[in-house]
């Protein structure tokens, strides 16, 4: 049976780091910096991976919801059983070492100009601490990849039932598996909302930095 608890914990840890950034972004608005654009692009890497996983979970659930889903969507089932989701997760995952470089080369300087020391330490933990944003490749996406492998094994069992034309049992197994995945999908959707908001906010700050410039408003 698919066990999403470890992946759920990784999503929540990442969300806590995003929460720190969201809480302090108000102070950063007072002194916008072009580094915000680089962070906005880095956050987009996480968004891409979340979108892949969310779409895969929804597609898998449709196999059970649609009475003919196991036959009409047999390609999706074959793809998951064959490890297709793991490939998508690996392709969709961002190179989050970029986040470390962006923090080290740009954000740290920006934060030191705007935030007090305690707030700077909070940001450092959010970006560099355990399960932090600069390490989501080794924590969050590693867990999502392992979950994809578990789902692949589950899909193979469903595929066996389909070959035996045991469609009710196959749909029941898919639905049971999806029910265990639903809390993780909900957490990913919530985290996605936070990411989209932050990405847009940092994009606006980057544009504002071009208008303001280092010596005041540009004319």
C-alpha atoms as a PDB file:
ATOM      1  CA  UNK A   1       0.000   0.000   0.000  1.00  0.00           C
ATOM      2  CA  UNK A   2       1.207   3.491  -0.850  1.00  0.00           C
ATOM      3  CA  UNK A   3       2.411   5.423   2.212  1.00  0.00           C
ATOM      4  CA  UNK A   4       2.424   9.203   1.658  1.00  0.00           C
ATOM      5  CA  UNK A   5       3.192  10.254   5.260  1.00  0.00           C
ATOM      6  CA  UNK A   6       6.914  10.921   4.768  1.00  0.00           C
ATOM      7  CA  UNK A   7       6.241  12.964   1.623  1.00  0.00           C
ATOM      8  CA  UNK A   8       3.481  14.840   3.473  1.00  0.00           C
ATOM      9  CA  UNK A   9       5.953  15.728   6.220  1.00  0.00           C
ATOM     10  CA  UNK A  10       8.419  17.020   3.603  1.00  0.00           C
ATOM     11  CA  UNK A  11       5.723  19.197   1.993  1.00  0.00           C
ATOM     12  CA  UNK A  12       4.777  20.663   5.380  1.00  0.00           C
ATOM     13  CA  UNK A  13       8.429  21.378   6.234  1.00  0.00           C
ATOM     14  CA  UNK A  14       8.867  23.187   2.918  1.00  0.00           C
ATOM     15  CA  UNK A  15       5.629  25.074   3.544  1.00  0.00           C
ATOM     16  CA  UNK A  16       6.906  26.241   6.936  1.00  0.00           C
ATOM     17  CA  UNK A  17      10.001  27.696   5.241  1.00  0.00           C
ATOM     18  CA  UNK A  18       7.780  29.442   2.692  1.00  0.00           C
ATOM     19  CA  UNK A  19       5.709  30.802   5.572  1.00  0.00           C
ATOM     20  CA  UNK A  20       8.756  32.552   7.021  1.00  0.00           C
ATOM     21  CA  UNK A  21       9.434  34.206   3.670  1.00  0.00           C
ATOM     22  CA  UNK A  22       5.763  35.201   3.312  1.00  0.00           C
ATOM     23  CA  UNK A  23       5.729  36.721   6.802  1.00  0.00           C
ATOM     24  CA  UNK A  24       8.771  38.904   6.169  1.00  0.00           C
ATOM     25  CA  UNK A  25       8.113  39.924   2.590  1.00  0.00           C
ATOM     26  CA  UNK A  26       6.327  43.059   3.788  1.00  0.00           C
ATOM     27  CA  UNK A  27       9.630  44.474   5.050  1.00  0.00           C
ATOM     28  CA  UNK A  28      11.339  43.637   1.767  1.00  0.00           C
ATOM     29  CA  UNK A  29       8.836  45.793  -0.115  1.00  0.00           C
ATOM     30  CA  UNK A  30      10.408  48.838   1.524  1.00  0.00           C
ATOM     31  CA  UNK A  31      13.646  48.193  -0.376  1.00  0.00           C
ATOM     32  CA  UNK A  32      13.019  46.203  -3.561  1.00  0.00           C
ATOM     33  CA  UNK A  33      15.976  44.481  -5.194  1.00  0.00           C
ATOM     34  CA  UNK A  34      16.529  42.798  -8.561  1.00  0.00           C
ATOM     35  CA  UNK A  35      17.529  39.648  -6.621  1.00  0.00           C
ATOM     36  CA  UNK A  36      13.780  39.149  -6.177  1.00  0.00           C
ATOM     37  CA  UNK A  37      13.532  38.157  -9.843  1.00  0.00           C
ATOM     38  CA  UNK A  38      16.051  35.357  -9.358  1.00  0.00           C
ATOM     39  CA  UNK A  39      14.135  34.066  -6.347  1.00  0.00           C
ATOM     40  CA  UNK A  40      10.861  34.228  -8.268  1.00  0.00           C
ATOM     41  CA  UNK A  41      12.408  32.047 -10.982  1.00  0.00           C
ATOM     42  CA  UNK A  42      13.759  29.582  -8.403  1.00  0.00           C
ATOM     43  CA  UNK A  43      10.351  29.219  -6.735  1.00  0.00           C
ATOM     44  CA  UNK A  44       8.950  28.393 -10.154  1.00  0.00           C
ATOM     45  CA  UNK A  45      11.116  25.257 -10.161  1.00  0.00           C
ATOM     46  CA  UNK A  46       9.232  23.952  -7.114  1.00  0.00           C
ATOM     47  CA  UNK A  47       5.904  24.930  -8.675  1.00  0.00           C
ATOM     48  CA  UNK A  48       6.643  22.853 -11.785  1.00  0.00           C
ATOM     49  CA  UNK A  49       7.258  19.741  -9.734  1.00  0.00           C
ATOM     50  CA  UNK A  50       4.146  20.235  -7.623  1.00  0.00           C
ATOM     51  CA  UNK A  51       2.087  20.573 -10.811  1.00  0.00           C
ATOM     52  CA  UNK A  52       3.419  17.252 -12.129  1.00  0.00           C
ATOM     53  CA  UNK A  53       2.547  15.376  -8.944  1.00  0.00           C
ATOM     54  CA  UNK A  54      -0.890  16.990  -8.541  1.00  0.00           C
ATOM     55  CA  UNK A  55      -1.794  16.167 -12.146  1.00  0.00           C
ATOM     56  CA  UNK A  56      -0.652  12.554 -11.726  1.00  0.00           C
ATOM     57  CA  UNK A  57      -2.729  12.062  -8.570  1.00  0.00           C
ATOM     58  CA  UNK A  58      -5.818  13.517 -10.268  1.00  0.00           C
ATOM     59  CA  UNK A  59      -5.347  11.321 -13.332  1.00  0.00           C
ATOM     60  CA  UNK A  60      -4.965   8.238 -11.130  1.00  0.00           C
ATOM     61  CA  UNK A  61      -8.147   9.028  -9.212  1.00  0.00           C
ATOM     62  CA  UNK A  62     -10.056   9.408 -12.491  1.00  0.00           C
ATOM     63  CA  UNK A  63      -9.407   5.726 -13.181  1.00  0.00           C
ATOM     64  CA  UNK A  64     -11.742   4.884 -10.312  1.00  0.00           C
ATOM     65  CA  UNK A  65     -14.243   7.739 -10.641  1.00  0.00           C
ATOM     66  CA  UNK A  66     -15.020   7.156 -14.322  1.00  0.00           C
ATOM     67  CA  UNK A  67     -16.831   3.792 -14.702  1.00  0.00           C
ATOM     68  CA  UNK A  68     -14.903   3.157 -17.922  1.00  0.00           C
ATOM     69  CA  UNK A  69     -11.724   4.850 -16.746  1.00  0.00           C
ATOM     70  CA  UNK A  70      -9.667   1.676 -16.476  1.00  0.00           C
ATOM     71  CA  UNK A  71     -10.282   0.904 -20.144  1.00  0.00           C
ATOM     72  CA  UNK A  72     -10.518   4.397 -21.662  1.00  0.00           C
ATOM     73  CA  UNK A  73      -7.489   5.638 -19.725  1.00  0.00           C
ATOM     74  CA  UNK A  74      -5.454   2.473 -19.966  1.00  0.00           C
ATOM     75  CA  UNK A  75      -2.472   4.440 -21.246  1.00  0.00           C
ATOM     76  CA  UNK A  76      -2.317   6.436 -17.990  1.00  0.00           C
ATOM     77  CA  UNK A  77      -2.447   3.233 -15.957  1.00  0.00           C
ATOM     78  CA  UNK A  78       0.276   1.650 -18.079  1.00  0.00           C
ATOM     79  CA  UNK A  79       2.387   4.786 -17.741  1.00  0.00           C
ATOM     80  CA  UNK A  80       2.161   4.842 -13.948  1.00  0.00           C
ATOM     81  CA  UNK A  81       2.751   1.086 -13.709  1.00  0.00           C
ATOM     82  CA  UNK A  82       5.792   1.444 -15.946  1.00  0.00           C
ATOM     83  CA  UNK A  83       7.364   4.137 -13.795  1.00  0.00           C
ATOM     84  CA  UNK A  84       6.163   7.088 -15.859  1.00  0.00           C
ATOM     85  CA  UNK A  85       5.320   9.172 -12.812  1.00  0.00           C
ATOM     86  CA  UNK A  86       8.823   8.765 -11.414  1.00  0.00           C
ATOM     87  CA  UNK A  87      10.228   9.961 -14.729  1.00  0.00           C
ATOM     88  CA  UNK A  88       7.909  12.980 -14.657  1.00  0.00           C
ATOM     89  CA  UNK A  89       8.867  13.821 -11.086  1.00  0.00           C
ATOM     90  CA  UNK A  90      12.556  13.598 -11.953  1.00  0.00           C
ATOM     91  CA  UNK A  91      12.066  15.721 -15.061  1.00  0.00           C
ATOM     92  CA  UNK A  92       9.868  18.241 -13.308  1.00  0.00           C
ATOM     93  CA  UNK A  93      12.058  18.696 -10.254  1.00  0.00           C
ATOM     94  CA  UNK A  94      14.033  21.897 -10.323  1.00  0.00           C
ATOM     95  CA  UNK A  95      17.728  22.163  -9.783  1.00  0.00           C
ATOM     96  CA  UNK A  96      17.264  23.594  -6.318  1.00  0.00           C
ATOM     97  CA  UNK A  97      20.972  24.152  -5.891  1.00  0.00           C
ATOM     98  CA  UNK A  98      20.043  27.301  -7.801  1.00  0.00           C
ATOM     99  CA  UNK A  99      18.174  28.438  -4.705  1.00  0.00           C
ATOM    100  CA  UNK A 100      21.307  28.051  -2.596  1.00  0.00           C
ATOM    101  CA  UNK A 101      23.365  30.068  -5.083  1.00  0.00           C
ATOM    102  CA  UNK A 102      20.703  32.768  -5.315  1.00  0.00           C
ATOM    103  CA  UNK A 103      20.532  33.009  -1.540  1.00  0.00           C
ATOM    104  CA  UNK A 104      24.303  33.037  -1.088  1.00  0.00           C
ATOM    105  CA  UNK A 105      25.096  35.457  -3.925  1.00  0.00           C
ATOM    106  CA  UNK A 106      22.124  37.819  -3.848  1.00  0.00           C
ATOM    107  CA  UNK A 107      19.464  37.364  -1.185  1.00  0.00           C
ATOM    108  CA  UNK A 108      21.752  37.373   1.828  1.00  0.00           C
ATOM    109  CA  UNK A 109      23.027  40.842   0.893  1.00  0.00           C
ATOM    110  CA  UNK A 110      19.504  42.100   0.285  1.00  0.00           C
ATOM    111  CA  UNK A 111      18.184  40.715   3.573  1.00  0.00           C
ATOM    112  CA  UNK A 112      21.085  42.267   5.509  1.00  0.00           C
ATOM    113  CA  UNK A 113      20.036  45.712   4.262  1.00  0.00           C
ATOM    114  CA  UNK A 114      16.364  45.342   5.190  1.00  0.00           C
ATOM    115  CA  UNK A 115      15.916  42.829   8.021  1.00  0.00           C
ATOM    116  CA  UNK A 116      17.155  42.853  11.615  1.00  0.00           C
ATOM    117  CA  UNK A 117      19.528  40.138  12.799  1.00  0.00           C
ATOM    118  CA  UNK A 118      16.835  37.846  14.206  1.00  0.00           C
ATOM    119  CA  UNK A 119      14.870  38.090  10.953  1.00  0.00           C
ATOM    120  CA  UNK A 120      18.018  37.394   8.933  1.00  0.00           C
ATOM    121  CA  UNK A 121      18.582  34.258  10.993  1.00  0.00           C
ATOM    122  CA  UNK A 122      14.995  33.174  10.332  1.00  0.00           C
ATOM    123  CA  UNK A 123      15.539  33.623   6.610  1.00  0.00           C
ATOM    124  CA  UNK A 124      18.801  31.716   6.779  1.00  0.00           C
ATOM    125  CA  UNK A 125      17.046  28.776   8.441  1.00  0.00           C
ATOM    126  CA  UNK A 126      14.238  28.964   5.871  1.00  0.00           C
ATOM    127  CA  UNK A 127      16.719  28.761   3.012  1.00  0.00           C
ATOM    128  CA  UNK A 128      19.561  26.678   4.469  1.00  0.00           C
ATOM    129  CA  UNK A 129      18.188  24.816   7.520  1.00  0.00           C
ATOM    130  CA  UNK A 130      16.922  21.198   7.699  1.00  0.00           C
ATOM    131  CA  UNK A 131      14.364  20.625   4.949  1.00  0.00           C
ATOM    132  CA  UNK A 132      14.964  24.192   3.787  1.00  0.00           C
ATOM    133  CA  UNK A 133      14.236  25.650   0.366  1.00  0.00           C
ATOM    134  CA  UNK A 134      17.803  25.180  -0.885  1.00  0.00           C
ATOM    135  CA  UNK A 135      17.592  21.462  -0.081  1.00  0.00           C
ATOM    136  CA  UNK A 136      14.214  20.470  -1.510  1.00  0.00           C
ATOM    137  CA  UNK A 137      15.956  18.314  -4.128  1.00  0.00           C
ATOM    138  CA  UNK A 138      17.327  16.110  -1.338  1.00  0.00           C
ATOM    139  CA  UNK A 139      14.248  16.152   0.885  1.00  0.00           C
ATOM    140  CA  UNK A 140      10.906  17.035  -0.676  1.00  0.00           C
ATOM    141  CA  UNK A 141      11.509  15.741  -4.190  1.00  0.00           C
ATOM    142  CA  UNK A 142      13.380  12.663  -3.031  1.00  0.00           C
ATOM    143  CA  UNK A 143      10.304  11.735  -0.989  1.00  0.00           C
ATOM    144  CA  UNK A 144       7.982  12.477  -3.907  1.00  0.00           C
ATOM    145  CA  UNK A 145      10.149  10.283  -6.126  1.00  0.00           C
ATOM    146  CA  UNK A 146       9.988   7.405  -3.667  1.00  0.00           C
ATOM    147  CA  UNK A 147       6.225   7.860  -3.446  1.00  0.00           C
ATOM    148  CA  UNK A 148       6.048   7.687  -7.249  1.00  0.00           C
ATOM    149  CA  UNK A 149       7.830   4.320  -7.073  1.00  0.00           C
ATOM    150  CA  UNK A 150       5.284   3.077  -4.528  1.00  0.00           C
ATOM    151  CA  UNK A 151       2.433   4.251  -6.743  1.00  0.00           C
ATOM    152  CA  UNK A 152       4.026   2.434  -9.680  1.00  0.00           C
ATOM    153  CA  UNK A 153       3.999  -0.825  -7.707  1.00  0.00           C
ATOM    154  CA  UNK A 154       0.372  -0.246  -6.750  1.00  0.00           C
ATOM    155  CA  UNK A 155      -0.558   0.442 -10.379  1.00  0.00           C
ATOM    156  CA  UNK A 156       1.000  -2.873 -11.427  1.00  0.00           C
ATOM    157  CA  UNK A 157      -1.347  -4.696  -9.039  1.00  0.00           C
ATOM    158  CA  UNK A 158      -4.285  -2.742 -10.484  1.00  0.00           C
ATOM    159  CA  UNK A 159      -3.120  -3.644 -13.986  1.00  0.00           C
ATOM    160  CA  UNK A 160      -3.123  -7.340 -13.059  1.00  0.00           C
ATOM    161  CA  UNK A 161      -6.743  -7.002 -11.932  1.00  0.00           C
ATOM    162  CA  UNK A 162      -7.627  -5.261 -15.208  1.00  0.00           C
ATOM    163  CA  UNK A 163      -6.043  -8.060 -17.244  1.00  0.00           C
ATOM    164  CA  UNK A 164      -8.156 -10.496 -15.242  1.00  0.00           C
ATOM    165  CA  UNK A 165     -11.191  -8.278 -16.013  1.00  0.00           C
ATOM    166  CA  UNK A 166     -11.801  -7.750 -12.308  1.00  0.00           C
ATOM    167  CA  UNK A 167     -12.792  -4.145 -12.842  1.00  0.00           C
ATOM    168  CA  UNK A 168     -14.715  -3.518  -9.595  1.00  0.00           C
ATOM    169  CA  UNK A 169     -11.755  -4.750  -7.529  1.00  0.00           C
ATOM    170  CA  UNK A 170      -9.356  -2.682  -9.658  1.00  0.00           C
ATOM    171  CA  UNK A 171     -11.431   0.502  -9.224  1.00  0.00           C
ATOM    172  CA  UNK A 172     -11.722  -0.127  -5.495  1.00  0.00           C
ATOM    173  CA  UNK A 173      -7.953  -0.456  -5.138  1.00  0.00           C
ATOM    174  CA  UNK A 174      -7.331   2.737  -7.129  1.00  0.00           C
ATOM    175  CA  UNK A 175      -9.859   4.627  -5.023  1.00  0.00           C
ATOM    176  CA  UNK A 176      -8.441   3.302  -1.750  1.00  0.00           C
ATOM    177  CA  UNK A 177      -4.957   4.357  -2.839  1.00  0.00           C
ATOM    178  CA  UNK A 178      -6.156   7.801  -3.853  1.00  0.00           C
ATOM    179  CA  UNK A 179      -7.845   8.287  -0.487  1.00  0.00           C
ATOM    180  CA  UNK A 180      -4.470   7.760   1.191  1.00  0.00           C
ATOM    181  CA  UNK A 181      -2.939  10.296  -1.217  1.00  0.00           C
ATOM    182  CA  UNK A 182      -5.641  12.960  -0.791  1.00  0.00           C
ATOM    183  CA  UNK A 183      -4.123  14.646   2.324  1.00  0.00           C
ATOM    184  CA  UNK A 184      -0.813  14.953   0.473  1.00  0.00           C
ATOM    185  CA  UNK A 185      -2.517  16.383  -2.603  1.00  0.00           C
ATOM    186  CA  UNK A 186      -4.381  18.908  -0.438  1.00  0.00           C
ATOM    187  CA  UNK A 187      -1.090  19.948   1.184  1.00  0.00           C
ATOM    188  CA  UNK A 188       0.527  20.350  -2.238  1.00  0.00           C
ATOM    189  CA  UNK A 189      -2.384  22.482  -3.470  1.00  0.00           C
ATOM    190  CA  UNK A 190      -2.147  24.717  -0.383  1.00  0.00           C
ATOM    191  CA  UNK A 191       1.618  25.040  -0.763  1.00  0.00           C
ATOM    192  CA  UNK A 192       1.145  25.821  -4.449  1.00  0.00           C
ATOM    193  CA  UNK A 193      -1.079  28.769  -3.542  1.00  0.00           C
ATOM    194  CA  UNK A 194       1.644  30.122  -1.258  1.00  0.00           C
ATOM    195  CA  UNK A 195       4.286  29.623  -3.938  1.00  0.00           C
ATOM    196  CA  UNK A 196       2.238  31.399  -6.604  1.00  0.00           C
ATOM    197  CA  UNK A 197       1.640  34.354  -4.284  1.00  0.00           C
ATOM    198  CA  UNK A 198       5.329  34.601  -3.361  1.00  0.00           C
ATOM    199  CA  UNK A 199       6.465  34.196  -6.955  1.00  0.00           C
ATOM    200  CA  UNK A 200       4.184  37.042  -8.052  1.00  0.00           C
ATOM    201  CA  UNK A 201       5.223  39.234  -5.111  1.00  0.00           C
ATOM    202  CA  UNK A 202       8.924  38.783  -5.834  1.00  0.00           C
ATOM    203  CA  UNK A 203       8.288  39.453  -9.517  1.00  0.00           C
ATOM    204  CA  UNK A 204       6.652  42.755  -8.577  1.00  0.00           C
ATOM    205  CA  UNK A 205       9.556  43.616  -6.274  1.00  0.00           C
ATOM    206  CA  UNK A 206      12.008  42.962  -9.097  1.00  0.00           C
ATOM    207  CA  UNK A 207      10.070  45.290 -11.398  1.00  0.00           C
ATOM    208  CA  UNK A 208       9.909  47.921  -8.649  1.00  0.00           C
ATOM    209  CA  UNK A 209      13.683  47.708  -8.177  1.00  0.00           C
ATOM    210  CA  UNK A 210      14.175  48.655 -11.828  1.00  0.00           C
ATOM    211  CA  UNK A 211      11.894  51.671 -11.434  1.00  0.00           C
ATOM    212  CA  UNK A 212      13.435  52.851  -8.154  1.00  0.00           C
ATOM    213  CA  UNK A 213      17.090  52.067  -8.866  1.00  0.00           C
ATOM    214  CA  UNK A 214      19.905  52.433  -6.311  1.00  0.00           C
ATOM    215  CA  UNK A 215      19.645  56.218  -6.106  1.00  0.00           C
ATOM    216  CA  UNK A 216      15.922  56.760  -5.938  1.00  0.00           C
ATOM    217  CA  UNK A 217      13.101  56.890  -8.514  1.00  0.00           C
ATOM    218  CA  UNK A 218      14.124  56.890 -12.141  1.00  0.00           C
ATOM    219  CA  UNK A 219      12.802  59.648 -14.354  1.00  0.00           C
END
